């Protein structure tokens, strides 16, 4: 129903946790290379546990390749540098939510290429740098699912 995309993720346990989240919610996961680790790393396996085989994961060689694959779909970008919150959006089946790497977020050029209504943030205290990536993904995924009365979840 919904897709999650990680742009150049760097921390294996975050990606493993997000795989597990996707396996349990029916979301598809897109990994945009280069990755900061191997998917075979012990930390990814540990965090994803036995859910890795249950998650639908698609890898993309580059952001350009990802963009071609997502053509015609709404791709929302999450950033701490924008004003619109994720709760101000009516998500639709087929929407994709894009998250940046843990240490630097999405590149400014990528954010500038998107219309403002496709750029979202999760509210935090003013002096906060950022939330953990896997926590942020979970917050947004559950809002998307809540808006549709948690389809197929029990």
C-alpha atoms as a PDB file:
ATOM      1  CA  UNK A   1       0.000   0.000   0.000  1.00  0.00           C
ATOM      2  CA  UNK A   2       2.782   2.466   0.949  1.00  0.00           C
ATOM      3  CA  UNK A   3       6.469   2.544   0.136  1.00  0.00           C
ATOM      4  CA  UNK A   4       9.404   3.648   2.277  1.00  0.00           C
ATOM      5  CA  UNK A   5      12.660   4.726   0.622  1.00  0.00           C
ATOM      6  CA  UNK A   6      16.009   5.110   2.344  1.00  0.00           C
ATOM      7  CA  UNK A   7      18.499   7.312   0.506  1.00  0.00           C
ATOM      8  CA  UNK A   8      22.031   6.048   1.143  1.00  0.00           C
ATOM      9  CA  UNK A   9      21.376   4.645   4.636  1.00  0.00           C
ATOM     10  CA  UNK A  10      24.457   4.386   6.834  1.00  0.00           C
ATOM     11  CA  UNK A  11      23.576   2.523  10.032  1.00  0.00           C
ATOM     12  CA  UNK A  12      22.779  -1.199   9.683  1.00  0.00           C
ATOM     13  CA  UNK A  13      20.519  -1.544  12.759  1.00  0.00           C
ATOM     14  CA  UNK A  14      18.271   1.289  11.536  1.00  0.00           C
ATOM     15  CA  UNK A  15      17.798  -0.399   8.169  1.00  0.00           C
ATOM     16  CA  UNK A  16      17.167  -3.736   9.892  1.00  0.00           C
ATOM     17  CA  UNK A  17      14.547  -2.152  12.155  1.00  0.00           C
ATOM     18  CA  UNK A  18      12.875  -0.527   9.161  1.00  0.00           C
ATOM     19  CA  UNK A  19      12.848  -3.883   7.319  1.00  0.00           C
ATOM     20  CA  UNK A  20      11.068  -5.365  10.320  1.00  0.00           C
ATOM     21  CA  UNK A  21       8.577  -2.463  10.362  1.00  0.00           C
ATOM     22  CA  UNK A  22       7.873  -2.978   6.648  1.00  0.00           C
ATOM     23  CA  UNK A  23       7.411  -6.725   7.097  1.00  0.00           C
ATOM     24  CA  UNK A  24       4.853  -6.069   9.850  1.00  0.00           C
ATOM     25  CA  UNK A  25       2.915  -3.301   8.097  1.00  0.00           C
ATOM     26  CA  UNK A  26       2.938  -4.403   4.452  1.00  0.00           C
ATOM     27  CA  UNK A  27       5.015  -1.435   3.312  1.00  0.00           C
ATOM     28  CA  UNK A  28       7.624  -1.971   0.615  1.00  0.00           C
ATOM     29  CA  UNK A  29      11.185  -0.830   1.301  1.00  0.00           C
ATOM     30  CA  UNK A  30      13.427   0.809  -1.295  1.00  0.00           C
ATOM     31  CA  UNK A  31      17.160   1.111  -0.628  1.00  0.00           C
ATOM     32  CA  UNK A  32      18.974   3.706  -2.717  1.00  0.00           C
ATOM     33  CA  UNK A  33      22.684   3.040  -3.212  1.00  0.00           C
ATOM     34  CA  UNK A  34      25.368   3.516  -2.228  1.00  0.00           C
ATOM     35  CA  UNK A  35      24.631   1.918   1.131  1.00  0.00           C
ATOM     36  CA  UNK A  36      26.989   2.524   4.033  1.00  0.00           C
ATOM     37  CA  UNK A  37      27.098  -1.218   4.781  1.00  0.00           C
ATOM     38  CA  UNK A  38      26.459  -4.647   3.288  1.00  0.00           C
ATOM     39  CA  UNK A  39      22.978  -6.103   3.650  1.00  0.00           C
ATOM     40  CA  UNK A  40      24.653  -9.275   4.860  1.00  0.00           C
ATOM     41  CA  UNK A  41      26.116  -7.550   7.910  1.00  0.00           C
ATOM     42  CA  UNK A  42      25.360  -9.161  11.240  1.00  0.00           C
ATOM     43  CA  UNK A  43      23.807  -5.931  12.582  1.00  0.00           C
ATOM     44  CA  UNK A  44      21.236  -5.803   9.762  1.00  0.00           C
ATOM     45  CA  UNK A  45      20.361  -9.463  10.285  1.00  0.00           C
ATOM     46  CA  UNK A  46      20.070  -8.994  14.052  1.00  0.00           C
ATOM     47  CA  UNK A  47      17.828  -5.922  13.830  1.00  0.00           C
ATOM     48  CA  UNK A  48      15.715  -7.349  11.009  1.00  0.00           C
ATOM     49  CA  UNK A  49      15.674 -10.721  12.737  1.00  0.00           C
ATOM     50  CA  UNK A  50      13.739 -13.276  10.723  1.00  0.00           C
ATOM     51  CA  UNK A  51      11.650 -10.531   9.126  1.00  0.00           C
ATOM     52  CA  UNK A  52      14.119  -9.805   6.346  1.00  0.00           C
ATOM     53  CA  UNK A  53      12.689 -12.591   4.218  1.00  0.00           C
ATOM     54  CA  UNK A  54       9.170 -11.300   4.866  1.00  0.00           C
ATOM     55  CA  UNK A  55       9.888  -7.709   3.845  1.00  0.00           C
ATOM     56  CA  UNK A  56       9.625  -6.640   0.226  1.00  0.00           C
ATOM     57  CA  UNK A  57      12.942  -4.868  -0.423  1.00  0.00           C
ATOM     58  CA  UNK A  58      13.976  -3.329  -3.722  1.00  0.00           C
ATOM     59  CA  UNK A  59      17.436  -1.900  -4.272  1.00  0.00           C
ATOM     60  CA  UNK A  60      18.156   1.002  -6.644  1.00  0.00           C
ATOM     61  CA  UNK A  61      21.633   1.709  -8.015  1.00  0.00           C
ATOM     62  CA  UNK A  62      21.151   5.481  -7.693  1.00  0.00           C
ATOM     63  CA  UNK A  63      18.615   8.183  -6.937  1.00  0.00           C
ATOM     64  CA  UNK A  64      18.107   8.605 -10.686  1.00  0.00           C
ATOM     65  CA  UNK A  65      17.198   4.917 -11.006  1.00  0.00           C
ATOM     66  CA  UNK A  66      14.841   5.219  -8.025  1.00  0.00           C
ATOM     67  CA  UNK A  67      13.181   8.283  -9.585  1.00  0.00           C
ATOM     68  CA  UNK A  68      12.544   6.409 -12.830  1.00  0.00           C
ATOM     69  CA  UNK A  69      11.035   3.484 -10.906  1.00  0.00           C
ATOM     70  CA  UNK A  70       8.749   5.839  -8.923  1.00  0.00           C
ATOM     71  CA  UNK A  71       7.615   7.875 -11.949  1.00  0.00           C
ATOM     72  CA  UNK A  72       3.985   8.927 -11.653  1.00  0.00           C
ATOM     73  CA  UNK A  73       3.866   8.438  -7.893  1.00  0.00           C
ATOM     74  CA  UNK A  74       3.960  11.024  -5.120  1.00  0.00           C
ATOM     75  CA  UNK A  75       7.321  10.913  -3.349  1.00  0.00           C
ATOM     76  CA  UNK A  76       7.395  12.800  -0.046  1.00  0.00           C
ATOM     77  CA  UNK A  77      10.766  13.776   1.395  1.00  0.00           C
ATOM     78  CA  UNK A  78      11.300  14.020   5.153  1.00  0.00           C
ATOM     79  CA  UNK A  79      13.619  16.711   6.441  1.00  0.00           C
ATOM     80  CA  UNK A  80      14.212  18.712   9.595  1.00  0.00           C
ATOM     81  CA  UNK A  81      14.696  21.786   7.379  1.00  0.00           C
ATOM     82  CA  UNK A  82      11.100  22.269   6.195  1.00  0.00           C
ATOM     83  CA  UNK A  83       7.954  23.679   7.787  1.00  0.00           C
ATOM     84  CA  UNK A  84       5.108  21.355   6.759  1.00  0.00           C
ATOM     85  CA  UNK A  85       4.474  18.503   9.204  1.00  0.00           C
ATOM     86  CA  UNK A  86       3.633  14.964   8.183  1.00  0.00           C
ATOM     87  CA  UNK A  87       0.208  15.313   9.844  1.00  0.00           C
ATOM     88  CA  UNK A  88      -0.712  18.106   7.411  1.00  0.00           C
ATOM     89  CA  UNK A  89      -0.759  15.632   4.529  1.00  0.00           C
ATOM     90  CA  UNK A  90      -3.518  13.332   3.294  1.00  0.00           C
ATOM     91  CA  UNK A  91      -1.601  10.226   2.270  1.00  0.00           C
ATOM     92  CA  UNK A  92      -2.900   8.073  -0.566  1.00  0.00           C
ATOM     93  CA  UNK A  93      -2.240   4.415  -1.367  1.00  0.00           C
ATOM     94  CA  UNK A  94       0.881   4.219  -3.526  1.00  0.00           C
ATOM     95  CA  UNK A  95       2.581   7.178  -1.857  1.00  0.00           C
ATOM     96  CA  UNK A  96       6.307   6.909  -1.197  1.00  0.00           C
ATOM     97  CA  UNK A  97       8.110   8.506   1.730  1.00  0.00           C
ATOM     98  CA  UNK A  98      11.830   9.203   1.295  1.00  0.00           C
ATOM     99  CA  UNK A  99      14.256   9.472   4.201  1.00  0.00           C
ATOM    100  CA  UNK A 100      17.873  10.653   4.091  1.00  0.00           C
ATOM    101  CA  UNK A 101      21.032   9.194   5.579  1.00  0.00           C
ATOM    102  CA  UNK A 102      21.371   9.346   9.336  1.00  0.00           C
ATOM    103  CA  UNK A 103      24.362  11.713   9.552  1.00  0.00           C
ATOM    104  CA  UNK A 104      23.398  14.323   6.977  1.00  0.00           C
ATOM    105  CA  UNK A 105      19.791  13.979   5.806  1.00  0.00           C
ATOM    106  CA  UNK A 106      18.676  14.450   2.226  1.00  0.00           C
ATOM    107  CA  UNK A 107      20.871  16.627  -0.004  1.00  0.00           C
ATOM    108  CA  UNK A 108      19.742  20.231  -0.327  1.00  0.00           C
ATOM    109  CA  UNK A 109      19.638  19.984  -4.139  1.00  0.00           C
ATOM    110  CA  UNK A 110      17.222  17.068  -3.915  1.00  0.00           C
ATOM    111  CA  UNK A 111      14.976  18.954  -1.478  1.00  0.00           C
ATOM    112  CA  UNK A 112      15.032  22.049  -3.693  1.00  0.00           C
ATOM    113  CA  UNK A 113      13.881  19.962  -6.662  1.00  0.00           C
ATOM    114  CA  UNK A 114      10.628  19.026  -4.909  1.00  0.00           C
ATOM    115  CA  UNK A 115       7.495  21.130  -4.498  1.00  0.00           C
ATOM    116  CA  UNK A 116       6.904  22.351  -0.940  1.00  0.00           C
ATOM    117  CA  UNK A 117       3.821  20.163  -0.455  1.00  0.00           C
ATOM    118  CA  UNK A 118       6.019  17.057  -0.891  1.00  0.00           C
ATOM    119  CA  UNK A 119       8.476  18.082   1.849  1.00  0.00           C
ATOM    120  CA  UNK A 120       7.549  17.059   5.384  1.00  0.00           C
ATOM    121  CA  UNK A 121       8.983  17.016   8.883  1.00  0.00           C
ATOM    122  CA  UNK A 122       8.264  15.435  12.236  1.00  0.00           C
ATOM    123  CA  UNK A 123       7.930  18.142  14.919  1.00  0.00           C
ATOM    124  CA  UNK A 124      10.632  18.316  17.599  1.00  0.00           C
ATOM    125  CA  UNK A 125      11.897  20.796  20.148  1.00  0.00           C
ATOM    126  CA  UNK A 126      13.638  23.773  18.543  1.00  0.00           C
ATOM    127  CA  UNK A 127      17.137  22.855  19.735  1.00  0.00           C
ATOM    128  CA  UNK A 128      16.867  19.188  18.709  1.00  0.00           C
ATOM    129  CA  UNK A 129      19.001  17.928  15.839  1.00  0.00           C
ATOM    130  CA  UNK A 130      16.975  14.915  14.741  1.00  0.00           C
ATOM    131  CA  UNK A 131      15.147  11.779  15.805  1.00  0.00           C
ATOM    132  CA  UNK A 132      16.486   8.292  15.195  1.00  0.00           C
ATOM    133  CA  UNK A 133      15.797   7.265  11.581  1.00  0.00           C
ATOM    134  CA  UNK A 134      13.911   4.062  12.350  1.00  0.00           C
ATOM    135  CA  UNK A 135      11.763   5.878  14.931  1.00  0.00           C
ATOM    136  CA  UNK A 136      10.937   8.613  12.436  1.00  0.00           C
ATOM    137  CA  UNK A 137       9.980   6.083   9.765  1.00  0.00           C
ATOM    138  CA  UNK A 138       7.693   4.304  12.259  1.00  0.00           C
ATOM    139  CA  UNK A 139       5.960   7.548  13.264  1.00  0.00           C
ATOM    140  CA  UNK A 140       5.210   8.432   9.629  1.00  0.00           C
ATOM    141  CA  UNK A 141       4.229   4.898   8.552  1.00  0.00           C
ATOM    142  CA  UNK A 142       1.699   4.585  11.336  1.00  0.00           C
ATOM    143  CA  UNK A 143       0.186   7.973  10.472  1.00  0.00           C
ATOM    144  CA  UNK A 144      -0.171   6.869   6.848  1.00  0.00           C
ATOM    145  CA  UNK A 145      -1.840   3.640   7.955  1.00  0.00           C
ATOM    146  CA  UNK A 146      -4.034   5.411  10.549  1.00  0.00           C
ATOM    147  CA  UNK A 147      -5.411   7.692   7.853  1.00  0.00           C
ATOM    148  CA  UNK A 148      -6.698   4.579   6.058  1.00  0.00           C
ATOM    149  CA  UNK A 149      -7.958   2.803   9.197  1.00  0.00           C
ATOM    150  CA  UNK A 150      -5.016   0.386   9.266  1.00  0.00           C
ATOM    151  CA  UNK A 151      -5.914  -1.654   6.175  1.00  0.00           C
ATOM    152  CA  UNK A 152      -5.078  -5.352   6.410  1.00  0.00           C
ATOM    153  CA  UNK A 153      -3.646  -4.934   9.933  1.00  0.00           C
ATOM    154  CA  UNK A 154      -5.330  -6.538  12.891  1.00  0.00           C
END
